[in-house]
Amino acid sequence: MMAQPQPTPVNSDVPAARAPRRPWLHGALWCVGLGLLANAAVMLYTRQSASDLTFDTRAFAQGAPVERMLGARGIYMMPAQLGPNHYGLYVMDVDAETICVYRASPDTSRFRLMAVRTFKYDRQLEDVNNDAPTPREVQKLVQQQKQREQVENKKDDVKP
């Protein structure tokens, strides 16, 4: 008679499967965190006196006087995802009317300036790169509608 093969014992010491590690994400988050920390340092450094720094129980956006409002005096930062695996930072200077885009490089733990643009004159444009209906076409449609309404109102006034 042939011997039956014995089942192999189950090893219970094997760890459970883990999610794959993403070292680039760890570095990118550190770069964004360092950027936010730099922003906070600049904000505190540019303060003229410590009495400016007041905290109120109400929301800052609800009727806070301009002199007492917290902020970076016209400089705003926002983290951004620039691509599927690329992260960065937007910096907008309202006073200089400029926006900057930085890319975080997790390999070297540095920021790289990608683009800078002033939007000073962009805000004065009315019609650029628009599909139909363009603003002028909409303006003509609104004028035609107003003319029709005036004609209809005159007809209603004429009826006895």
C-alpha atoms as a PDB file:
ATOM      1  CA  MET A   1       0.000   0.000   0.000  1.00  0.00           C
ATOM      2  CA  MET A   2       1.188   3.475  -0.910  1.00  0.00           C
ATOM      3  CA  ALA A   3       1.711   6.114   1.755  1.00  0.00           C
ATOM      4  CA  GLN A   4      -0.563   9.132   1.594  1.00  0.00           C
ATOM      5  CA  PRO A   5       1.245  12.463   1.260  1.00  0.00           C
ATOM      6  CA  GLN A   6       1.059  14.515   4.423  1.00  0.00           C
ATOM      7  CA  PRO A   7      -0.377  18.048   4.122  1.00  0.00           C
ATOM      8  CA  THR A   8       2.154  20.816   4.635  1.00  0.00           C
ATOM      9  CA  PRO A   9       1.637  22.740   7.853  1.00  0.00           C
ATOM     10  CA  VAL A  10       0.408  26.329   7.561  1.00  0.00           C
ATOM     11  CA  ASN A  11       2.933  28.885   8.720  1.00  0.00           C
ATOM     12  CA  SER A  12       1.117  31.441  10.830  1.00  0.00           C
ATOM     13  CA  ASP A  13       4.217  33.659  11.126  1.00  0.00           C
ATOM     14  CA  VAL A  14       3.737  35.154   7.629  1.00  0.00           C
ATOM     15  CA  PRO A  15       2.790  38.853   7.917  1.00  0.00           C
ATOM     16  CA  ALA A  16      -0.317  40.180   6.211  1.00  0.00           C
ATOM     17  CA  ALA A  17       0.074  41.913   2.844  1.00  0.00           C
ATOM     18  CA  ARG A  18       0.784  45.632   3.137  1.00  0.00           C
ATOM     19  CA  ALA A  19      -0.050  48.521   0.852  1.00  0.00           C
ATOM     20  CA  PRO A  20       2.880  49.390  -1.454  1.00  0.00           C
ATOM     21  CA  ARG A  21       5.160  52.127  -0.167  1.00  0.00           C
ATOM     22  CA  ARG A  22       5.388  55.371  -2.096  1.00  0.00           C
ATOM     23  CA  PRO A  23       8.588  57.153  -1.065  1.00  0.00           C
ATOM     24  CA  TRP A  24       8.063  59.972  -3.594  1.00  0.00           C
ATOM     25  CA  LEU A  25       4.756  60.876  -1.898  1.00  0.00           C
ATOM     26  CA  HIS A  26       6.470  61.091   1.470  1.00  0.00           C
ATOM     27  CA  GLY A  27       9.084  63.497   0.076  1.00  0.00           C
ATOM     28  CA  ALA A  28       6.501  65.590  -1.782  1.00  0.00           C
ATOM     29  CA  LEU A  29       4.421  66.003   1.363  1.00  0.00           C
ATOM     30  CA  TRP A  30       7.512  67.094   3.268  1.00  0.00           C
ATOM     31  CA  CYS A  31       8.250  69.685   0.552  1.00  0.00           C
ATOM     32  CA  VAL A  32       4.703  71.067   0.738  1.00  0.00           C
ATOM     33  CA  GLY A  33       4.909  71.127   4.533  1.00  0.00           C
ATOM     34  CA  LEU A  34       8.212  72.997   4.401  1.00  0.00           C
ATOM     35  CA  GLY A  35       6.676  75.490   1.978  1.00  0.00           C
ATOM     36  CA  LEU A  36       3.778  76.123   4.336  1.00  0.00           C
ATOM     37  CA  LEU A  37       6.205  76.484   7.240  1.00  0.00           C
ATOM     38  CA  ALA A  38       8.216  79.017   5.204  1.00  0.00           C
ATOM     39  CA  ASN A  39       5.011  80.928   4.498  1.00  0.00           C
ATOM     40  CA  ALA A  40       4.191  81.048   8.207  1.00  0.00           C
ATOM     41  CA  ALA A  41       7.714  82.278   8.992  1.00  0.00           C
ATOM     42  CA  VAL A  42       7.454  85.060   6.392  1.00  0.00           C
ATOM     43  CA  MET A  43       4.044  86.057   7.733  1.00  0.00           C
ATOM     44  CA  LEU A  44       5.357  86.343  11.285  1.00  0.00           C
ATOM     45  CA  TYR A  45       8.537  88.124  10.177  1.00  0.00           C
ATOM     46  CA  THR A  46       6.671  90.783   8.184  1.00  0.00           C
ATOM     47  CA  ARG A  47       4.394  91.696  11.076  1.00  0.00           C
ATOM     48  CA  GLN A  48       5.097  95.217  12.356  1.00  0.00           C
ATOM     49  CA  SER A  49       4.022  94.530  15.903  1.00  0.00           C
ATOM     50  CA  ALA A  50       2.751  91.630  17.987  1.00  0.00           C
ATOM     51  CA  SER A  51      -0.501  93.492  18.655  1.00  0.00           C
ATOM     52  CA  ASP A  52      -1.551  92.774  15.043  1.00  0.00           C
ATOM     53  CA  LEU A  53      -1.779  89.077  15.861  1.00  0.00           C
ATOM     54  CA  THR A  54      -5.197  88.737  17.466  1.00  0.00           C
ATOM     55  CA  PHE A  55      -7.487  85.776  17.401  1.00  0.00           C
ATOM     56  CA  ASP A  56     -11.219  86.161  17.445  1.00  0.00           C
ATOM     57  CA  THR A  57     -13.875  83.558  18.182  1.00  0.00           C
ATOM     58  CA  ARG A  58     -15.866  84.383  15.064  1.00  0.00           C
ATOM     59  CA  ALA A  59     -14.844  83.335  11.575  1.00  0.00           C
ATOM     60  CA  PHE A  60     -12.240  85.628  10.044  1.00  0.00           C
ATOM     61  CA  ALA A  61     -14.231  86.039   6.836  1.00  0.00           C
ATOM     62  CA  GLN A  62     -17.277  87.411   8.626  1.00  0.00           C
ATOM     63  CA  GLY A  63     -16.922  91.131   9.022  1.00  0.00           C
ATOM     64  CA  ALA A  64     -13.399  91.264  10.393  1.00  0.00           C
ATOM     65  CA  PRO A  65     -11.890  94.736   9.937  1.00  0.00           C
ATOM     66  CA  VAL A  66      -9.203  94.886   7.278  1.00  0.00           C
ATOM     67  CA  GLU A  67      -6.602  96.235   9.724  1.00  0.00           C
ATOM     68  CA  ARG A  68      -7.007  93.236  12.041  1.00  0.00           C
ATOM     69  CA  MET A  69      -7.422  90.481   9.456  1.00  0.00           C
ATOM     70  CA  LEU A  70      -4.850  87.690   9.531  1.00  0.00           C
ATOM     71  CA  GLY A  71      -3.008  86.962   6.343  1.00  0.00           C
ATOM     72  CA  ALA A  72       0.227  87.354   4.477  1.00  0.00           C
ATOM     73  CA  ARG A  73      -0.572  90.856   3.278  1.00  0.00           C
ATOM     74  CA  GLY A  74      -1.556  89.779  -0.213  1.00  0.00           C
ATOM     75  CA  ILE A  75       0.516  86.593  -0.603  1.00  0.00           C
ATOM     76  CA  TYR A  76      -1.364  83.305  -0.854  1.00  0.00           C
ATOM     77  CA  MET A  77      -0.016  79.753  -1.150  1.00  0.00           C
ATOM     78  CA  MET A  78      -1.795  76.575  -2.195  1.00  0.00           C
ATOM     79  CA  PRO A  79      -0.461  73.050  -2.668  1.00  0.00           C
ATOM     80  CA  ALA A  80      -1.146  71.588  -6.098  1.00  0.00           C
ATOM     81  CA  GLN A  81      -0.994  68.330  -7.973  1.00  0.00           C
ATOM     82  CA  LEU A  82       0.772  69.191 -11.222  1.00  0.00           C
ATOM     83  CA  GLY A  83       0.562  65.724 -12.743  1.00  0.00           C
ATOM     84  CA  PRO A  84      -0.165  62.114 -11.847  1.00  0.00           C
ATOM     85  CA  ASN A  85       3.033  61.828  -9.777  1.00  0.00           C
ATOM     86  CA  HIS A  86       4.097  65.467  -9.530  1.00  0.00           C
ATOM     87  CA  TYR A  87       3.225  67.850  -6.721  1.00  0.00           C
ATOM     88  CA  GLY A  88       3.957  71.485  -6.239  1.00  0.00           C
ATOM     89  CA  LEU A  89       2.864  74.807  -4.913  1.00  0.00           C
ATOM     90  CA  TYR A  90       1.071  77.879  -6.259  1.00  0.00           C
ATOM     91  CA  VAL A  91       2.087  81.270  -4.847  1.00  0.00           C
ATOM     92  CA  MET A  92      -0.021  84.316  -5.710  1.00  0.00           C
ATOM     93  CA  ASP A  93       1.016  87.860  -4.853  1.00  0.00           C
ATOM     94  CA  VAL A  94      -2.098  90.003  -5.082  1.00  0.00           C
ATOM     95  CA  ASP A  95      -0.228  93.291  -4.720  1.00  0.00           C
ATOM     96  CA  ALA A  96       2.236  92.512  -7.538  1.00  0.00           C
ATOM     97  CA  GLU A  97      -0.547  90.743  -9.512  1.00  0.00           C
ATOM     98  CA  THR A  98       1.691  87.735 -10.125  1.00  0.00           C
ATOM     99  CA  ILE A  99       1.280  83.973  -9.824  1.00  0.00           C
ATOM    100  CA  CYS A 100       4.189  81.517  -9.477  1.00  0.00           C
ATOM    101  CA  VAL A 101       4.207  77.732  -9.851  1.00  0.00           C
ATOM    102  CA  TYR A 102       6.806  75.633  -8.038  1.00  0.00           C
ATOM    103  CA  ARG A 103       7.372  71.893  -8.450  1.00  0.00           C
ATOM    104  CA  ALA A 104       8.413  69.842  -5.442  1.00  0.00           C
ATOM    105  CA  SER A 105      11.262  67.458  -6.168  1.00  0.00           C
ATOM    106  CA  PRO A 106      11.210  64.699  -3.526  1.00  0.00           C
ATOM    107  CA  ASP A 107      14.536  63.266  -4.746  1.00  0.00           C
ATOM    108  CA  THR A 108      16.477  66.403  -3.843  1.00  0.00           C
ATOM    109  CA  SER A 109      13.983  67.862  -1.327  1.00  0.00           C
ATOM    110  CA  ARG A 110      13.922  71.134  -3.252  1.00  0.00           C
ATOM    111  CA  PHE A 111      11.450  73.335  -5.063  1.00  0.00           C
ATOM    112  CA  ARG A 112      11.893  74.199  -8.733  1.00  0.00           C
ATOM    113  CA  LEU A 113      10.366  77.318 -10.258  1.00  0.00           C
ATOM    114  CA  MET A 114       8.195  76.153 -13.154  1.00  0.00           C
ATOM    115  CA  ALA A 115       6.428  79.335 -14.292  1.00  0.00           C
ATOM    116  CA  VAL A 116       5.712  82.933 -13.342  1.00  0.00           C
ATOM    117  CA  ARG A 117       3.049  85.108 -14.898  1.00  0.00           C
ATOM    118  CA  THR A 118       1.558  88.487 -14.191  1.00  0.00           C
ATOM    119  CA  PHE A 119      -2.203  88.726 -14.440  1.00  0.00           C
ATOM    120  CA  LYS A 120      -2.225  92.523 -14.305  1.00  0.00           C
ATOM    121  CA  TYR A 121      -3.360  92.897 -17.898  1.00  0.00           C
ATOM    122  CA  ASP A 122      -5.232  89.581 -18.160  1.00  0.00           C
ATOM    123  CA  ARG A 123      -8.039  90.988 -16.044  1.00  0.00           C
ATOM    124  CA  GLN A 124      -8.554  93.810 -18.547  1.00  0.00           C
ATOM    125  CA  LEU A 125      -9.294  91.439 -21.425  1.00  0.00           C
ATOM    126  CA  GLU A 126     -12.877  90.759 -22.356  1.00  0.00           C
ATOM    127  CA  ASP A 127     -12.755  88.122 -25.101  1.00  0.00           C
ATOM    128  CA  VAL A 128      -9.845  85.717 -25.587  1.00  0.00           C
ATOM    129  CA  ASN A 129      -9.956  82.032 -26.580  1.00  0.00           C
ATOM    130  CA  ASN A 130     -13.736  81.771 -26.252  1.00  0.00           C
ATOM    131  CA  ASP A 131     -16.042  79.408 -28.094  1.00  0.00           C
ATOM    132  CA  ALA A 132     -19.405  80.513 -29.430  1.00  0.00           C
ATOM    133  CA  PRO A 133     -21.304  82.374 -28.210  1.00  0.00           C
ATOM    134  CA  THR A 134     -18.670  85.028 -27.652  1.00  0.00           C
ATOM    135  CA  PRO A 135     -19.368  87.892 -25.257  1.00  0.00           C
ATOM    136  CA  ARG A 136     -20.185  90.188 -28.213  1.00  0.00           C
ATOM    137  CA  GLU A 137     -22.689  87.641 -29.574  1.00  0.00           C
ATOM    138  CA  VAL A 138     -24.295  87.367 -26.146  1.00  0.00           C
ATOM    139  CA  GLN A 139     -24.442  91.156 -25.956  1.00  0.00           C
ATOM    140  CA  LYS A 140     -26.282  91.248 -29.314  1.00  0.00           C
ATOM    141  CA  LEU A 141     -28.692  88.540 -28.136  1.00  0.00           C
ATOM    142  CA  VAL A 142     -29.453  90.503 -24.961  1.00  0.00           C
ATOM    143  CA  GLN A 143     -30.060  93.673 -26.991  1.00  0.00           C
ATOM    144  CA  GLN A 144     -32.394  91.773 -29.330  1.00  0.00           C
ATOM    145  CA  GLN A 145     -34.266  90.367 -26.346  1.00  0.00           C
ATOM    146  CA  LYS A 146     -34.663  93.827 -24.818  1.00  0.00           C
ATOM    147  CA  GLN A 147     -35.959  95.176 -28.151  1.00  0.00           C
ATOM    148  CA  ARG A 148     -38.527  92.344 -28.344  1.00  0.00           C
ATOM    149  CA  GLU A 149     -39.652  93.063 -24.780  1.00  0.00           C
ATOM    150  CA  GLN A 150     -40.038  96.759 -25.595  1.00  0.00           C
ATOM    151  CA  VAL A 151     -42.114  95.925 -28.691  1.00  0.00           C
ATOM    152  CA  GLU A 152     -44.292  93.539 -26.662  1.00  0.00           C
ATOM    153  CA  ASN A 153     -44.769  96.146 -23.928  1.00  0.00           C
ATOM    154  CA  LYS A 154     -45.820  98.729 -26.516  1.00  0.00           C
ATOM    155  CA  LYS A 155     -48.356  96.277 -27.972  1.00  0.00           C
ATOM    156  CA  ASP A 156     -49.762  95.661 -24.484  1.00  0.00           C
ATOM    157  CA  ASP A 157     -50.021  99.428 -23.856  1.00  0.00           C
ATOM    158  CA  VAL A 158     -51.855 100.024 -27.172  1.00  0.00           C
ATOM    159  CA  LYS A 159     -54.609  97.446 -26.524  1.00  0.00           C
ATOM    160  CA  PRO A 160     -57.823  99.086 -25.239  1.00  0.00           C
END
